[in-house]
């Protein structure tokens, strides 16, 4: 069962399943870019292409954080 704001102001994309507290809860959702390879392994001219987007999720209910790669 999804726990939503009773006013209905919470967008659907902020409701995610939380494996730590169970159920679907509201999360803070941000996107960051990470480089999987070390800087030494990536040539400077290709560094901007070596980054990949990750979705960072933080549960407002229990405070657990996790990240997942955006595909």
C-alpha atoms as a PDB file:
ATOM      1  CA  UNK A   1       0.000   0.000   0.000  1.00  0.00           C
ATOM      2  CA  UNK A   2       1.375   3.395  -0.965  1.00  0.00           C
ATOM      3  CA  UNK A   3       1.664   5.997   1.759  1.00  0.00           C
ATOM      4  CA  UNK A   4       0.819   9.320   0.148  1.00  0.00           C
ATOM      5  CA  UNK A   5       0.358  12.874   1.262  1.00  0.00           C
ATOM      6  CA  UNK A   6      -3.338  13.258   2.143  1.00  0.00           C
ATOM      7  CA  UNK A   7      -3.461  16.553   0.236  1.00  0.00           C
ATOM      8  CA  UNK A   8      -2.480  14.746  -2.967  1.00  0.00           C
ATOM      9  CA  UNK A   9       0.474  17.070  -3.530  1.00  0.00           C
ATOM     10  CA  UNK A  10       3.042  14.265  -3.843  1.00  0.00           C
ATOM     11  CA  UNK A  11       3.812  13.379  -7.474  1.00  0.00           C
ATOM     12  CA  UNK A  12       3.754   9.689  -8.409  1.00  0.00           C
ATOM     13  CA  UNK A  13       7.442   9.658  -9.367  1.00  0.00           C
ATOM     14  CA  UNK A  14       8.379  10.292  -5.715  1.00  0.00           C
ATOM     15  CA  UNK A  15       6.566   7.156  -4.498  1.00  0.00           C
ATOM     16  CA  UNK A  16       9.025   4.241  -4.585  1.00  0.00           C
ATOM     17  CA  UNK A  17       9.272   0.814  -3.012  1.00  0.00           C
ATOM     18  CA  UNK A  18      11.541   0.901   0.043  1.00  0.00           C
ATOM     19  CA  UNK A  19      13.265  -2.435   0.745  1.00  0.00           C
ATOM     20  CA  UNK A  20      14.371  -1.282   4.216  1.00  0.00           C
ATOM     21  CA  UNK A  21      11.033  -0.317   5.775  1.00  0.00           C
ATOM     22  CA  UNK A  22       8.780  -2.216   3.352  1.00  0.00           C
ATOM     23  CA  UNK A  23       5.930  -0.844   1.309  1.00  0.00           C
ATOM     24  CA  UNK A  24       5.829   2.065  -1.060  1.00  0.00           C
ATOM     25  CA  UNK A  25       6.897   5.331   0.519  1.00  0.00           C
ATOM     26  CA  UNK A  26       7.638   8.896  -0.501  1.00  0.00           C
ATOM     27  CA  UNK A  27      11.304   9.404  -1.428  1.00  0.00           C
ATOM     28  CA  UNK A  28      13.592  12.307  -2.133  1.00  0.00           C
ATOM     29  CA  UNK A  29      14.760  11.659  -5.705  1.00  0.00           C
ATOM     30  CA  UNK A  30      17.855  13.266  -7.229  1.00  0.00           C
ATOM     31  CA  UNK A  31      20.071  12.425 -10.200  1.00  0.00           C
ATOM     32  CA  UNK A  32      23.867  12.528 -10.125  1.00  0.00           C
ATOM     33  CA  UNK A  33      26.532  11.613 -12.645  1.00  0.00           C
ATOM     34  CA  UNK A  34      29.240   9.154 -11.666  1.00  0.00           C
ATOM     35  CA  UNK A  35      32.367   7.925 -13.391  1.00  0.00           C
ATOM     36  CA  UNK A  36      32.750   4.173 -13.065  1.00  0.00           C
ATOM     37  CA  UNK A  37      36.308   4.100 -14.421  1.00  0.00           C
ATOM     38  CA  UNK A  38      39.250   5.699 -12.682  1.00  0.00           C
ATOM     39  CA  UNK A  39      40.453   9.047 -13.972  1.00  0.00           C
ATOM     40  CA  UNK A  40      43.731   7.447 -15.025  1.00  0.00           C
ATOM     41  CA  UNK A  41      41.877   4.933 -17.230  1.00  0.00           C
ATOM     42  CA  UNK A  42      39.892   7.610 -19.089  1.00  0.00           C
ATOM     43  CA  UNK A  43      41.574   9.922 -21.556  1.00  0.00           C
ATOM     44  CA  UNK A  44      40.866  13.596 -20.804  1.00  0.00           C
ATOM     45  CA  UNK A  45      39.088  14.159 -24.134  1.00  0.00           C
ATOM     46  CA  UNK A  46      36.688  11.272 -23.335  1.00  0.00           C
ATOM     47  CA  UNK A  47      36.079  12.076 -19.655  1.00  0.00           C
ATOM     48  CA  UNK A  48      32.721  13.756 -20.291  1.00  0.00           C
ATOM     49  CA  UNK A  49      31.456  10.567 -21.979  1.00  0.00           C
ATOM     50  CA  UNK A  50      32.611   8.241 -19.174  1.00  0.00           C
ATOM     51  CA  UNK A  51      29.974   9.495 -16.714  1.00  0.00           C
ATOM     52  CA  UNK A  52      26.667   7.708 -16.228  1.00  0.00           C
ATOM     53  CA  UNK A  53      23.487   8.945 -14.527  1.00  0.00           C
ATOM     54  CA  UNK A  54      22.418   7.448 -11.198  1.00  0.00           C
ATOM     55  CA  UNK A  55      19.156   8.032  -9.362  1.00  0.00           C
ATOM     56  CA  UNK A  56      19.685   8.684  -5.639  1.00  0.00           C
ATOM     57  CA  UNK A  57      16.736   7.770  -3.456  1.00  0.00           C
ATOM     58  CA  UNK A  58      16.217   8.651   0.207  1.00  0.00           C
ATOM     59  CA  UNK A  59      13.146   7.367   2.021  1.00  0.00           C
ATOM     60  CA  UNK A  60      11.347  10.089   3.981  1.00  0.00           C
ATOM     61  CA  UNK A  61       9.811   7.436   6.256  1.00  0.00           C
ATOM     62  CA  UNK A  62      12.898   5.526   7.487  1.00  0.00           C
ATOM     63  CA  UNK A  63      15.794   7.621   6.119  1.00  0.00           C
ATOM     64  CA  UNK A  64      17.396   4.763   4.155  1.00  0.00           C
ATOM     65  CA  UNK A  65      19.376   5.799   1.066  1.00  0.00           C
ATOM     66  CA  UNK A  66      20.256   3.876  -2.061  1.00  0.00           C
ATOM     67  CA  UNK A  67      21.229   4.514  -5.657  1.00  0.00           C
ATOM     68  CA  UNK A  68      20.303   2.889  -8.944  1.00  0.00           C
ATOM     69  CA  UNK A  69      21.697   3.333 -12.404  1.00  0.00           C
ATOM     70  CA  UNK A  70      19.399   5.089 -14.857  1.00  0.00           C
ATOM     71  CA  UNK A  71      19.094   3.095 -18.060  1.00  0.00           C
END
